[in-house]
Amino acid sequence: MSIYIALLQEQDAVNLFQFECENRTFFEKMVPSRGKDYYHFKYFRMRHSELLKEQDDNTSFFYLIKNNLDDIVGRINLVDIDKNKRKAHLGYRVGESFTRKGIADKAVKLLLQEAPKLNIREIHAKTTSNNIASQKVLEKNCFKQTFINDEEEIEFNGQKLKLIRYIWN
């Protein structure tokens, strides 16, 4: 599937809200919930505006992953940007009906091409020990595993999981 990434815009709010609502159950199997308020459009719209402000301030960059029909198939972000150290943290999610199509891999590749234009030379990422798909995406895109703390566990959906940290530069 052909994809591209597009910087988040104000006019994306309605379609992004629909994407998030359609994929809520799927996402919450892998990452903590954004909370029930997030799925009320008034609150979502406010949160969307906050993200756009972060983007205007160059402290985060939020991208939509879109297919050739301009449908939103996922999201990919660079957040917590440290301008002095030229580093950021990566996050991404792909909608349930678009998984297992190489979309996350392609989106990460596209974002890594954008990083130098944003003056970012180092990107950190983390995933859980049970998220093999995400580990493969990061490793395929030249992220190096840096740390697994056997003592640092999180409990999520009744499972104790370790966090695996990665770095790209």
Protein backbone atom coordinates (compact mmCIF):
# COMPACT_ATOMS: atom_id res chain seq x y z
CA MET A 1 0.00 0.00 0.00
CA SER A 2 1.26 3.43 -0.94
CA ILE A 3 1.32 5.93 1.92
CA TYR A 4 2.56 9.40 2.76
CA ILE A 5 2.79 11.45 5.94
CA ALA A 6 1.17 14.86 6.30
CA LEU A 7 1.70 17.37 9.08
CA LEU A 8 -1.37 17.65 11.31
CA GLN A 9 -3.66 20.56 10.41
CA GLU A 10 -6.71 22.17 12.02
CA GLN A 11 -8.98 20.82 9.26
CA ASP A 12 -8.00 17.22 10.15
CA ALA A 13 -9.94 17.24 13.42
CA VAL A 14 -13.17 15.59 12.23
CA ASN A 15 -11.50 12.78 10.25
CA LEU A 16 -8.92 12.18 12.97
CA PHE A 17 -11.64 11.99 15.62
CA GLN A 18 -13.46 9.39 13.53
CA PHE A 19 -10.23 7.39 13.08
CA GLU A 20 -9.52 7.45 16.83
CA CYS A 21 -13.09 6.41 17.71
CA GLU A 22 -13.09 3.57 15.17
CA ASN A 23 -9.79 2.22 16.52
CA ARG A 24 -10.26 2.90 20.24
CA THR A 25 -10.75 -0.73 21.31
CA PHE A 26 -7.86 -1.91 19.15
CA PHE A 27 -5.46 0.75 20.44
CA GLU A 28 -6.41 0.17 24.06
CA LYS A 29 -5.28 -3.45 23.74
CA MET A 30 -1.72 -2.17 23.18
CA VAL A 31 -1.40 1.20 24.91
CA PRO A 32 -3.10 2.86 27.87
CA SER A 33 -6.41 4.56 27.16
CA ARG A 34 -6.48 8.26 26.41
CA GLY A 35 -9.48 8.45 28.74
CA LYS A 36 -13.19 8.54 28.01
CA ASP A 37 -13.25 12.34 27.62
CA TYR A 38 -10.95 12.04 24.60
CA TYR A 39 -13.80 10.37 22.72
CA HIS A 40 -16.15 13.34 23.15
CA PHE A 41 -15.65 15.67 20.21
CA LYS A 42 -15.62 18.88 22.26
CA TYR A 43 -12.73 17.60 24.39
CA PHE A 44 -11.00 16.05 21.36
CA ARG A 45 -11.18 19.39 19.53
CA MET A 46 -9.59 21.14 22.50
CA ARG A 47 -6.81 18.53 22.65
CA HIS A 48 -6.32 18.82 18.88
CA SER A 49 -5.79 22.58 19.27
CA GLU A 50 -3.22 21.95 22.01
CA LEU A 51 -1.28 19.63 19.71
CA LEU A 52 -1.30 22.24 16.96
CA LYS A 53 0.07 24.79 19.45
CA GLU A 54 2.91 22.40 20.35
CA GLN A 55 3.60 22.02 16.66
CA ASP A 56 3.63 25.81 16.14
CA ASP A 57 6.11 26.05 19.05
CA ASN A 58 8.32 23.36 17.43
CA THR A 59 8.21 21.24 20.59
CA SER A 60 6.42 18.39 18.81
CA PHE A 61 5.50 17.41 15.27
CA PHE A 62 2.37 15.39 14.60
CA TYR A 63 1.82 13.62 11.30
CA LEU A 64 -1.07 11.69 9.85
CA ILE A 65 -0.27 8.58 7.86
CA LYS A 66 -2.51 8.60 4.78
CA ASN A 67 -3.07 6.27 1.87
CA ASN A 68 -3.40 7.31 -1.78
CA LEU A 69 -7.14 7.97 -1.20
CA ASP A 70 -6.23 10.46 1.57
CA ASP A 71 -7.74 8.18 4.23
CA ILE A 72 -6.08 8.35 7.64
CA VAL A 73 -4.48 4.95 8.27
CA GLY A 74 -2.34 5.94 11.25
CA ARG A 75 -0.44 8.59 13.16
CA ILE A 76 3.26 9.17 13.72
CA ASN A 77 4.79 11.81 15.97
CA LEU A 78 8.00 13.35 17.18
CA VAL A 79 7.45 14.73 20.68
CA ASP A 80 9.41 16.16 23.60
CA ILE A 81 11.84 17.80 21.21
CA ASP A 82 15.05 19.03 22.83
CA LYS A 83 16.29 21.70 20.41
CA ASN A 84 19.69 22.04 22.10
CA LYS A 85 20.46 18.34 21.94
CA ARG A 86 18.60 17.96 18.64
CA LYS A 87 16.67 14.93 19.86
CA ALA A 88 13.05 13.81 20.05
CA HIS A 89 10.87 10.85 20.98
CA LEU A 90 8.95 8.79 18.43
CA GLY A 91 5.42 7.47 18.74
CA TYR A 92 3.13 5.87 16.17
CA ARG A 93 -0.06 3.89 15.77
CA VAL A 94 -1.70 2.25 12.77
CA GLY A 95 -5.43 1.57 12.51
CA GLU A 96 -6.56 -2.02 12.96
CA SER A 97 -7.70 -2.60 9.37
CA PHE A 98 -4.32 -1.36 8.09
CA THR A 99 -2.01 -3.55 10.17
CA ARG A 100 0.25 -6.21 8.66
CA LYS A 101 0.69 -4.18 5.47
CA GLY A 102 4.10 -2.62 6.23
CA ILE A 103 2.56 0.78 6.93
CA ALA A 104 4.35 1.43 10.23
CA ASP A 105 7.68 0.51 8.64
CA LYS A 106 7.10 2.85 5.68
CA ALA A 107 5.86 5.67 7.92
CA VAL A 108 8.91 5.46 10.18
CA LYS A 109 11.16 5.56 7.10
CA LEU A 110 9.35 8.69 5.86
CA LEU A 111 9.60 10.35 9.26
CA LEU A 112 13.32 9.61 9.49
CA GLN A 113 13.73 11.43 6.17
CA GLU A 114 11.98 14.46 7.72
CA ALA A 115 14.09 14.48 10.89
CA PRO A 116 17.13 16.32 9.43
CA LYS A 117 14.82 19.01 8.00
CA LEU A 118 13.51 19.51 11.54
CA ASN A 119 17.08 19.72 12.89
CA ILE A 120 16.68 16.42 14.75
CA ARG A 121 19.62 14.04 14.78
CA GLU A 122 18.64 11.61 17.55
CA ILE A 123 15.30 9.88 18.06
CA HIS A 124 14.33 7.78 21.06
CA ALA A 125 11.55 5.20 21.08
CA LYS A 126 10.22 2.62 23.47
CA THR A 127 7.89 -0.31 23.27
CA THR A 128 6.76 -3.12 25.49
CA SER A 129 8.38 -6.52 25.60
CA ASN A 130 5.28 -8.16 24.09
CA ASN A 131 4.99 -5.79 21.11
CA ILE A 132 7.13 -7.78 18.70
CA ALA A 133 5.72 -5.97 15.64
CA SER A 134 6.87 -2.58 16.95
CA GLN A 135 10.28 -3.98 17.87
CA LYS A 136 10.69 -5.26 14.30
CA VAL A 137 9.64 -1.91 12.80
CA LEU A 138 12.19 -0.03 14.90
CA GLU A 139 15.02 -2.48 14.25
CA LYS A 140 14.28 -2.56 10.51
CA ASN A 141 14.66 1.23 10.52
CA CYS A 142 18.11 1.16 12.16
CA PHE A 143 17.01 1.87 15.71
CA LYS A 144 19.36 0.21 18.17
CA GLN A 145 18.10 -1.35 21.34
CA THR A 146 19.69 0.51 24.22
CA PHE A 147 18.08 -0.67 27.40
CA ILE A 148 15.85 -3.28 28.97
CA ASN A 149 15.49 -2.84 32.69
CA ASP A 150 14.46 -6.13 34.26
CA GLU A 151 13.38 -4.22 37.35
CA GLU A 152 11.27 -1.69 35.43
CA GLU A 153 7.95 -3.36 34.75
CA ILE A 154 4.58 -1.91 33.94
CA GLU A 155 1.29 -3.66 34.40
CA PHE A 156 -1.00 -3.36 31.44
CA ASN A 157 -4.19 -5.34 30.80
CA GLY A 158 -3.27 -7.75 33.57
CA GLN A 159 0.23 -8.48 32.22
CA LYS A 160 3.58 -7.45 33.63
CA LEU A 161 5.63 -6.05 30.77
CA LYS A 162 9.12 -4.67 30.42
CA LEU A 163 9.88 -1.52 28.46
CA ILE A 164 12.46 -1.79 25.70
CA ARG A 165 14.17 1.45 24.75
CA TYR A 166 15.65 2.27 21.34
CA ILE A 167 17.69 5.06 19.79
CA TRP A 168 18.29 6.21 16.21
CA ASN A 169 20.92 8.71 15.07
